[in-house]
Amino acid sequence: MTTALIYLVEDDPEIRDLACALLAREGFDCRAFADAAGFWSAWTARRPDLVLLDIMMPGEDGLSVCRRIQGERPVLIASARGEPLDRVVGLEVGADDYIAKPFEPRELVARVRALLRRRDRADPRVRLQPVARHLIFDGWRLDLAARALTDAEGRGVELTAGEFDLLAAFVRRPQQVLSRDAIMDVLKGRQAEVFDRSIDIQVSRLRRKLGDHPREPRLIRTVRNAGYLFAADVEVEG
């Protein structure tokens, strides 16, 4: 079994050394960085399996780093800012989980393992498209950074946050059957309870906004007893 690679970004040297040593003892390959610049240099050379990220750092902060990762890898924020609002902000910018410092070592390890299990459940059928700003399909253009959808004439189409996240999950994984569980994993647990109850409704709304016929959809197809498949070809642009 391949050892999971974890990138730890933490400006406090004591916490950085302790957390990295803890993860190494648990069998992980942990690489530690004091700031975002060092992290991005390593990220360019090799993607990790998970990112453990502090918020308050010199230079680029953790929230900005999380936004730029764009969900390509699981992110666990570990921050001294543990108020409910701080947690909400961290999750809203794309983090998969949030743990407050000082943390219990066993809890940190448990959360890391839980995120890796979630990733592994999705991986066999859910391989991400290369990270890009624009994904183009069937005349539509999805801007991941601006969270905007435009049609072939350049006109914007209004999507709710949930609809955008669901569409992005499909478009970044074309020609792959996604179960409802896999979709919820891809969406990083954000609004998981809502999606569990209404994912079919969300799909129906997306189809309408994309002009996808509900009875014979071309783009988002229902795969009986399996989930959904995004059937269009997707072009990736930077």
C-alpha atoms as a PDB file:
ATOM      1  CA  MET A   1       0.000   0.000   0.000  1.00  0.00           C
ATOM      2  CA  THR A   2       1.347   3.430  -0.967  1.00  0.00           C
ATOM      3  CA  THR A   3       2.119   5.760   1.944  1.00  0.00           C
ATOM      4  CA  ALA A   4      -0.137   8.826   1.904  1.00  0.00           C
ATOM      5  CA  LEU A   5       1.749  12.064   1.288  1.00  0.00           C
ATOM      6  CA  ILE A   6       0.685  15.003   3.472  1.00  0.00           C
ATOM      7  CA  TYR A   7       1.787  18.610   3.036  1.00  0.00           C
ATOM      8  CA  LEU A   8       1.708  20.491   6.346  1.00  0.00           C
ATOM      9  CA  VAL A   9       1.755  24.294   6.096  1.00  0.00           C
ATOM     10  CA  GLU A  10       2.330  25.906   9.506  1.00  0.00           C
ATOM     11  CA  ASP A  11       4.408  28.967  10.413  1.00  0.00           C
ATOM     12  CA  ASP A  12       4.868  28.033  14.098  1.00  0.00           C
ATOM     13  CA  PRO A  13       8.009  25.845  14.134  1.00  0.00           C
ATOM     14  CA  GLU A  14       7.083  24.022  17.341  1.00  0.00           C
ATOM     15  CA  ILE A  15       3.616  23.064  16.149  1.00  0.00           C
ATOM     16  CA  ARG A  16       4.982  22.257  12.700  1.00  0.00           C
ATOM     17  CA  ASP A  17       7.620  19.872  14.051  1.00  0.00           C
ATOM     18  CA  LEU A  18       5.270  18.202  16.546  1.00  0.00           C
ATOM     19  CA  ALA A  19       2.451  17.676  14.045  1.00  0.00           C
ATOM     20  CA  CYS A  20       4.769  16.370  11.350  1.00  0.00           C
ATOM     21  CA  ALA A  21       6.460  13.974  13.782  1.00  0.00           C
ATOM     22  CA  LEU A  22       3.045  12.761  14.957  1.00  0.00           C
ATOM     23  CA  LEU A  23       1.881  12.044  11.423  1.00  0.00           C
ATOM     24  CA  ALA A  24       5.166  10.338  10.567  1.00  0.00           C
ATOM     25  CA  ARG A  25       4.781   8.047  13.590  1.00  0.00           C
ATOM     26  CA  GLU A  26       1.339   7.111  12.287  1.00  0.00           C
ATOM     27  CA  GLY A  27       2.840   5.989   8.987  1.00  0.00           C
ATOM     28  CA  PHE A  28       2.273   9.073   6.821  1.00  0.00           C
ATOM     29  CA  ASP A  29       4.866  10.767   4.615  1.00  0.00           C
ATOM     30  CA  CYS A  30       4.683  14.317   5.986  1.00  0.00           C
ATOM     31  CA  ARG A  31       6.426  17.275   4.323  1.00  0.00           C
ATOM     32  CA  ALA A  32       6.359  20.524   6.316  1.00  0.00           C
ATOM     33  CA  PHE A  33       6.435  24.120   5.051  1.00  0.00           C
ATOM     34  CA  ALA A  34       6.638  27.396   6.963  1.00  0.00           C
ATOM     35  CA  ASP A  35       4.717  29.455   4.404  1.00  0.00           C
ATOM     36  CA  ALA A  36       2.629  29.297   1.259  1.00  0.00           C
ATOM     37  CA  ALA A  37       5.583  29.988  -1.035  1.00  0.00           C
ATOM     38  CA  GLY A  38       7.348  26.797   0.007  1.00  0.00           C
ATOM     39  CA  PHE A  39       4.110  24.867  -0.252  1.00  0.00           C
ATOM     40  CA  TRP A  40       3.358  26.014  -3.807  1.00  0.00           C
ATOM     41  CA  SER A  41       6.870  25.136  -4.932  1.00  0.00           C
ATOM     42  CA  ALA A  42       6.384  21.572  -3.699  1.00  0.00           C
ATOM     43  CA  TRP A  43       2.803  21.466  -5.015  1.00  0.00           C
ATOM     44  CA  THR A  44       4.002  22.270  -8.531  1.00  0.00           C
ATOM     45  CA  ALA A  45       6.480  19.391  -8.410  1.00  0.00           C
ATOM     46  CA  ARG A  46       4.157  16.835  -6.835  1.00  0.00           C
ATOM     47  CA  ARG A  47       0.577  16.841  -5.583  1.00  0.00           C
ATOM     48  CA  PRO A  48       0.056  15.449  -2.055  1.00  0.00           C
ATOM     49  CA  ASP A  49      -2.790  13.218  -0.939  1.00  0.00           C
ATOM     50  CA  LEU A  50      -3.913  15.760   1.686  1.00  0.00           C
ATOM     51  CA  VAL A  51      -3.065  19.300   2.797  1.00  0.00           C
ATOM     52  CA  LEU A  52      -2.996  20.250   6.501  1.00  0.00           C
ATOM     53  CA  LEU A  53      -3.193  24.015   6.550  1.00  0.00           C
ATOM     54  CA  ASP A  54      -2.903  26.854   9.053  1.00  0.00           C
ATOM     55  CA  ILE A  55      -4.835  30.079   8.379  1.00  0.00           C
ATOM     56  CA  MET A  56      -2.662  32.813   9.884  1.00  0.00           C
ATOM     57  CA  MET A  57       0.684  32.789   8.064  1.00  0.00           C
ATOM     58  CA  PRO A  58       3.109  35.409   6.769  1.00  0.00           C
ATOM     59  CA  GLY A  59       2.504  36.284   3.155  1.00  0.00           C
ATOM     60  CA  GLU A  60      -0.368  34.413   1.559  1.00  0.00           C
ATOM     61  CA  ASP A  61      -2.782  33.174   4.216  1.00  0.00           C
ATOM     62  CA  GLY A  62      -4.355  29.743   4.474  1.00  0.00           C
ATOM     63  CA  LEU A  63      -7.777  30.805   3.198  1.00  0.00           C
ATOM     64  CA  SER A  64      -6.231  32.058  -0.022  1.00  0.00           C
ATOM     65  CA  VAL A  65      -4.263  28.821  -0.400  1.00  0.00           C
ATOM     66  CA  CYS A  66      -7.438  26.816   0.135  1.00  0.00           C
ATOM     67  CA  ARG A  67      -9.296  28.767  -2.549  1.00  0.00           C
ATOM     68  CA  ARG A  68      -6.490  28.203  -5.056  1.00  0.00           C
ATOM     69  CA  ILE A  69      -6.408  24.464  -4.453  1.00  0.00           C
ATOM     70  CA  GLN A  70      -9.960  24.475  -5.851  1.00  0.00           C
ATOM     71  CA  GLY A  71     -10.876  21.143  -4.283  1.00  0.00           C
ATOM     72  CA  GLU A  72      -8.181  19.222  -6.173  1.00  0.00           C
ATOM     73  CA  ARG A  73      -6.941  17.676  -2.926  1.00  0.00           C
ATOM     74  CA  PRO A  74      -8.549  17.268   0.517  1.00  0.00           C
ATOM     75  CA  VAL A  75      -7.775  20.173   2.864  1.00  0.00           C
ATOM     76  CA  LEU A  76      -7.878  20.044   6.670  1.00  0.00           C
ATOM     77  CA  ILE A  77      -7.554  23.473   8.285  1.00  0.00           C
ATOM     78  CA  ALA A  78      -5.887  23.524  11.716  1.00  0.00           C
ATOM     79  CA  SER A  79      -6.184  26.977  13.221  1.00  0.00           C
ATOM     80  CA  ALA A  80      -6.167  28.758  16.564  1.00  0.00           C
ATOM     81  CA  ARG A  81      -9.220  30.630  15.262  1.00  0.00           C
ATOM     82  CA  GLY A  82     -11.810  28.146  16.428  1.00  0.00           C
ATOM     83  CA  GLU A  83     -14.988  30.218  16.673  1.00  0.00           C
ATOM     84  CA  PRO A  84     -18.026  28.932  14.736  1.00  0.00           C
ATOM     85  CA  LEU A  85     -17.787  31.781  12.213  1.00  0.00           C
ATOM     86  CA  ASP A  86     -14.123  30.958  11.539  1.00  0.00           C
ATOM     87  CA  ARG A  87     -15.070  27.332  10.893  1.00  0.00           C
ATOM     88  CA  VAL A  88     -17.857  28.365   8.544  1.00  0.00           C
ATOM     89  CA  VAL A  89     -15.551  30.650   6.567  1.00  0.00           C
ATOM     90  CA  GLY A  90     -12.934  27.907   6.268  1.00  0.00           C
ATOM     91  CA  LEU A  91     -15.468  25.398   4.986  1.00  0.00           C
ATOM     92  CA  GLU A  92     -17.039  27.929   2.623  1.00  0.00           C
ATOM     93  CA  VAL A  93     -13.727  28.642   0.864  1.00  0.00           C
ATOM     94  CA  GLY A  94     -13.269  24.938   0.163  1.00  0.00           C
ATOM     95  CA  ALA A  95     -11.801  23.180   3.195  1.00  0.00           C
ATOM     96  CA  ASP A  96     -13.005  19.625   3.774  1.00  0.00           C
ATOM     97  CA  ASP A  97     -12.670  19.783   7.565  1.00  0.00           C
ATOM     98  CA  TYR A  98     -11.575  22.159  10.336  1.00  0.00           C
ATOM     99  CA  ILE A  99      -9.871  21.468  13.648  1.00  0.00           C
ATOM    100  CA  ALA A 100      -9.084  24.084  16.293  1.00  0.00           C
ATOM    101  CA  LYS A 101      -5.660  24.441  17.923  1.00  0.00           C
ATOM    102  CA  PRO A 102      -4.529  23.243  20.350  1.00  0.00           C
ATOM    103  CA  PHE A 103      -5.814  19.920  19.091  1.00  0.00           C
ATOM    104  CA  GLU A 104      -5.804  16.466  20.595  1.00  0.00           C
ATOM    105  CA  PRO A 105      -3.229  14.401  18.626  1.00  0.00           C
ATOM    106  CA  ARG A 106      -5.573  11.426  18.285  1.00  0.00           C
ATOM    107  CA  GLU A 107      -8.305  13.678  16.902  1.00  0.00           C
ATOM    108  CA  LEU A 108      -5.954  15.143  14.302  1.00  0.00           C
ATOM    109  CA  VAL A 109      -4.916  11.670  13.126  1.00  0.00           C
ATOM    110  CA  ALA A 110      -8.539  10.492  13.077  1.00  0.00           C
ATOM    111  CA  ARG A 111      -9.633  13.460  10.950  1.00  0.00           C
ATOM    112  CA  VAL A 112      -6.745  12.945   8.520  1.00  0.00           C
ATOM    113  CA  ARG A 113      -7.624   9.287   8.120  1.00  0.00           C
ATOM    114  CA  ALA A 114     -11.314  10.078   7.659  1.00  0.00           C
ATOM    115  CA  LEU A 115     -10.565  12.517   4.827  1.00  0.00           C
ATOM    116  CA  LEU A 116      -8.256  10.020   3.135  1.00  0.00           C
ATOM    117  CA  ARG A 117     -10.924   7.318   3.377  1.00  0.00           C
ATOM    118  CA  ARG A 118     -13.438   9.684   1.793  1.00  0.00           C
ATOM    119  CA  ARG A 119     -11.005  10.391  -1.026  1.00  0.00           C
ATOM    120  CA  ASP A 120     -10.333   6.692  -1.549  1.00  0.00           C
ATOM    121  CA  ARG A 121     -14.037   5.908  -1.801  1.00  0.00           C
ATOM    122  CA  ALA A 122     -14.392   8.385  -4.638  1.00  0.00           C
ATOM    123  CA  ASP A 123     -11.097   7.744  -6.435  1.00  0.00           C
ATOM    124  CA  PRO A 124     -11.853   4.493  -8.297  1.00  0.00           C
ATOM    125  CA  ARG A 125     -14.495   6.224 -10.414  1.00  0.00           C
ATOM    126  CA  VAL A 126     -13.780   9.894  -9.799  1.00  0.00           C
ATOM    127  CA  ARG A 127     -10.599  11.141 -11.452  1.00  0.00           C
ATOM    128  CA  LEU A 128     -10.327  14.890 -11.651  1.00  0.00           C
ATOM    129  CA  GLN A 129      -9.740  16.843 -14.808  1.00  0.00           C
ATOM    130  CA  PRO A 130      -6.518  18.896 -14.736  1.00  0.00           C
ATOM    131  CA  VAL A 131      -6.860  22.039 -12.656  1.00  0.00           C
ATOM    132  CA  ALA A 132      -7.907  24.933 -14.865  1.00  0.00           C
ATOM    133  CA  ARG A 133      -9.928  28.106 -14.751  1.00  0.00           C
ATOM    134  CA  HIS A 134     -12.295  27.364 -17.618  1.00  0.00           C
ATOM    135  CA  LEU A 135     -14.086  24.149 -18.539  1.00  0.00           C
ATOM    136  CA  ILE A 136     -15.954  24.245 -21.860  1.00  0.00           C
ATOM    137  CA  PHE A 137     -18.692  21.815 -22.869  1.00  0.00           C
ATOM    138  CA  ASP A 138     -21.431  21.808 -25.509  1.00  0.00           C
ATOM    139  CA  GLY A 139     -21.058  25.562 -26.065  1.00  0.00           C
ATOM    140  CA  TRP A 140     -21.099  26.360 -22.335  1.00  0.00           C
ATOM    141  CA  ARG A 141     -18.183  27.879 -20.413  1.00  0.00           C
ATOM    142  CA  LEU A 142     -17.737  27.229 -16.681  1.00  0.00           C
ATOM    143  CA  ASP A 143     -15.379  29.653 -14.925  1.00  0.00           C
ATOM    144  CA  LEU A 144     -14.215  27.869 -11.761  1.00  0.00           C
ATOM    145  CA  ALA A 145     -12.428  30.870 -10.276  1.00  0.00           C
ATOM    146  CA  ALA A 146     -15.252  33.353 -10.847  1.00  0.00           C
ATOM    147  CA  ARG A 147     -17.904  30.682 -10.185  1.00  0.00           C
ATOM    148  CA  ALA A 148     -19.747  31.733 -13.339  1.00  0.00           C
ATOM    149  CA  LEU A 149     -21.511  29.913 -16.165  1.00  0.00           C
ATOM    150  CA  THR A 150     -22.008  31.474 -19.607  1.00  0.00           C
ATOM    151  CA  ASP A 151     -23.697  30.150 -22.735  1.00  0.00           C
ATOM    152  CA  ALA A 152     -22.387  30.115 -26.318  1.00  0.00           C
ATOM    153  CA  GLU A 153     -23.410  33.776 -26.739  1.00  0.00           C
ATOM    154  CA  GLY A 154     -21.525  34.832 -23.607  1.00  0.00           C
ATOM    155  CA  ARG A 155     -24.678  35.370 -21.565  1.00  0.00           C
ATOM    156  CA  GLY A 156     -24.476  34.528 -17.891  1.00  0.00           C
ATOM    157  CA  VAL A 157     -26.733  31.925 -16.314  1.00  0.00           C
ATOM    158  CA  GLU A 158     -27.532  32.366 -12.640  1.00  0.00           C
ATOM    159  CA  LEU A 159     -26.767  29.320 -10.481  1.00  0.00           C
ATOM    160  CA  THR A 160     -27.171  28.854  -6.756  1.00  0.00           C
ATOM    161  CA  ALA A 161     -24.040  27.891  -4.810  1.00  0.00           C
ATOM    162  CA  GLY A 162     -25.261  24.312  -4.609  1.00  0.00           C
ATOM    163  CA  GLU A 163     -26.061  24.139  -8.335  1.00  0.00           C
ATOM    164  CA  PHE A 164     -22.640  25.515  -9.253  1.00  0.00           C
ATOM    165  CA  ASP A 165     -20.820  23.016  -7.027  1.00  0.00           C
ATOM    166  CA  LEU A 166     -22.851  20.148  -8.438  1.00  0.00           C
ATOM    167  CA  LEU A 167     -22.248  21.224 -12.041  1.00  0.00           C
ATOM    168  CA  ALA A 168     -18.521  21.644 -11.376  1.00  0.00           C
ATOM    169  CA  ALA A 169     -18.413  18.131  -9.927  1.00  0.00           C
ATOM    170  CA  PHE A 170     -19.966  16.733 -13.105  1.00  0.00           C
ATOM    171  CA  VAL A 171     -17.971  18.801 -15.590  1.00  0.00           C
ATOM    172  CA  ARG A 172     -14.635  17.985 -13.974  1.00  0.00           C
ATOM    173  CA  ARG A 173     -15.464  14.274 -14.237  1.00  0.00           C
ATOM    174  CA  PRO A 174     -16.956  13.688 -17.687  1.00  0.00           C
ATOM    175  CA  GLN A 175     -17.915  10.201 -18.883  1.00  0.00           C
ATOM    176  CA  GLN A 176     -17.833   8.857 -15.332  1.00  0.00           C
ATOM    177  CA  VAL A 177     -20.762   7.469 -13.377  1.00  0.00           C
ATOM    178  CA  LEU A 178     -21.100   9.298 -10.071  1.00  0.00           C
ATOM    179  CA  SER A 179     -23.203   7.768  -7.339  1.00  0.00           C
ATOM    180  CA  ARG A 180     -24.986  10.072  -4.910  1.00  0.00           C
ATOM    181  CA  ASP A 181     -22.470   9.103  -2.210  1.00  0.00           C
ATOM    182  CA  ALA A 182     -19.563   9.889  -4.527  1.00  0.00           C
ATOM    183  CA  ILE A 183     -21.080  13.264  -5.406  1.00  0.00           C
ATOM    184  CA  MET A 184     -21.423  14.146  -1.726  1.00  0.00           C
ATOM    185  CA  ASP A 185     -17.792  13.129  -1.138  1.00  0.00           C
ATOM    186  CA  VAL A 186     -16.649  15.255  -4.080  1.00  0.00           C
ATOM    187  CA  LEU A 187     -18.579  18.197  -2.685  1.00  0.00           C
ATOM    188  CA  LYS A 188     -16.434  17.976   0.444  1.00  0.00           C
ATOM    189  CA  GLY A 189     -19.336  17.447   2.823  1.00  0.00           C
ATOM    190  CA  ARG A 190     -20.603  20.964   2.204  1.00  0.00           C
ATOM    191  CA  GLN A 191     -24.390  20.929   2.673  1.00  0.00           C
ATOM    192  CA  ALA A 192     -24.144  17.113   2.715  1.00  0.00           C
ATOM    193  CA  GLU A 193     -27.468  16.664   4.461  1.00  0.00           C
ATOM    194  CA  VAL A 194     -29.192  18.947   1.982  1.00  0.00           C
ATOM    195  CA  PHE A 195     -27.694  17.138  -1.002  1.00  0.00           C
ATOM    196  CA  ASP A 196     -28.623  13.770   0.469  1.00  0.00           C
ATOM    197  CA  ARG A 197     -32.270  14.812   0.535  1.00  0.00           C
ATOM    198  CA  SER A 198     -32.488  16.780  -2.705  1.00  0.00           C
ATOM    199  CA  ILE A 199     -29.728  15.846  -5.125  1.00  0.00           C
ATOM    200  CA  ASP A 200     -32.274  14.656  -7.690  1.00  0.00           C
ATOM    201  CA  ILE A 201     -34.036  18.021  -7.464  1.00  0.00           C
ATOM    202  CA  GLN A 202     -30.726  19.830  -7.939  1.00  0.00           C
ATOM    203  CA  VAL A 203     -29.996  17.730 -11.024  1.00  0.00           C
ATOM    204  CA  SER A 204     -33.437  18.536 -12.445  1.00  0.00           C
ATOM    205  CA  ARG A 205     -32.846  22.255 -11.932  1.00  0.00           C
ATOM    206  CA  LEU A 206     -29.444  22.046 -13.597  1.00  0.00           C
ATOM    207  CA  ARG A 207     -30.929  20.260 -16.572  1.00  0.00           C
ATOM    208  CA  ARG A 208     -33.509  23.005 -17.022  1.00  0.00           C
ATOM    209  CA  LYS A 209     -30.901  25.759 -16.848  1.00  0.00           C
ATOM    210  CA  LEU A 210     -28.688  23.913 -19.351  1.00  0.00           C
ATOM    211  CA  GLY A 211     -31.601  23.263 -21.707  1.00  0.00           C
ATOM    212  CA  ASP A 212     -31.151  19.533 -21.125  1.00  0.00           C
ATOM    213  CA  HIS A 213     -34.435  17.767 -21.924  1.00  0.00           C
ATOM    214  CA  PRO A 214     -35.744  16.123 -18.719  1.00  0.00           C
ATOM    215  CA  ARG A 215     -36.994  12.988 -20.497  1.00  0.00           C
ATOM    216  CA  GLU A 216     -34.057  12.512 -22.869  1.00  0.00           C
ATOM    217  CA  PRO A 217     -31.146  14.471 -21.358  1.00  0.00           C
ATOM    218  CA  ARG A 218     -27.974  14.750 -23.437  1.00  0.00           C
ATOM    219  CA  LEU A 219     -25.677  16.228 -20.805  1.00  0.00           C
ATOM    220  CA  ILE A 220     -26.542  14.812 -17.377  1.00  0.00           C
ATOM    221  CA  ARG A 221     -27.800  11.282 -17.863  1.00  0.00           C
ATOM    222  CA  THR A 222     -29.364   9.096 -15.212  1.00  0.00           C
ATOM    223  CA  VAL A 223     -27.721   5.695 -14.851  1.00  0.00           C
ATOM    224  CA  ARG A 224     -30.291   3.427 -13.283  1.00  0.00           C
ATOM    225  CA  ASN A 225     -29.368   2.107  -9.834  1.00  0.00           C
ATOM    226  CA  ALA A 226     -25.940   3.771 -10.133  1.00  0.00           C
ATOM    227  CA  GLY A 227     -26.194   7.562 -10.210  1.00  0.00           C
ATOM    228  CA  TYR A 228     -25.485  10.147 -12.893  1.00  0.00           C
ATOM    229  CA  LEU A 229     -23.095  10.522 -15.809  1.00  0.00           C
ATOM    230  CA  PHE A 230     -21.987  13.770 -17.473  1.00  0.00           C
ATOM    231  CA  ALA A 231     -21.979  12.762 -21.139  1.00  0.00           C
ATOM    232  CA  ALA A 232     -20.537  15.839 -22.905  1.00  0.00           C
ATOM    233  CA  ASP A 233     -16.924  16.194 -23.985  1.00  0.00           C
ATOM    234  CA  VAL A 234     -15.062  18.772 -21.889  1.00  0.00           C
ATOM    235  CA  GLU A 235     -12.284  21.087 -23.049  1.00  0.00           C
ATOM    236  CA  VAL A 236      -9.902  22.438 -20.415  1.00  0.00           C
ATOM    237  CA  GLU A 237      -8.528  25.985 -20.643  1.00  0.00           C
ATOM    238  CA  GLY A 238      -6.214  27.817 -18.262  1.00  0.00           C
END
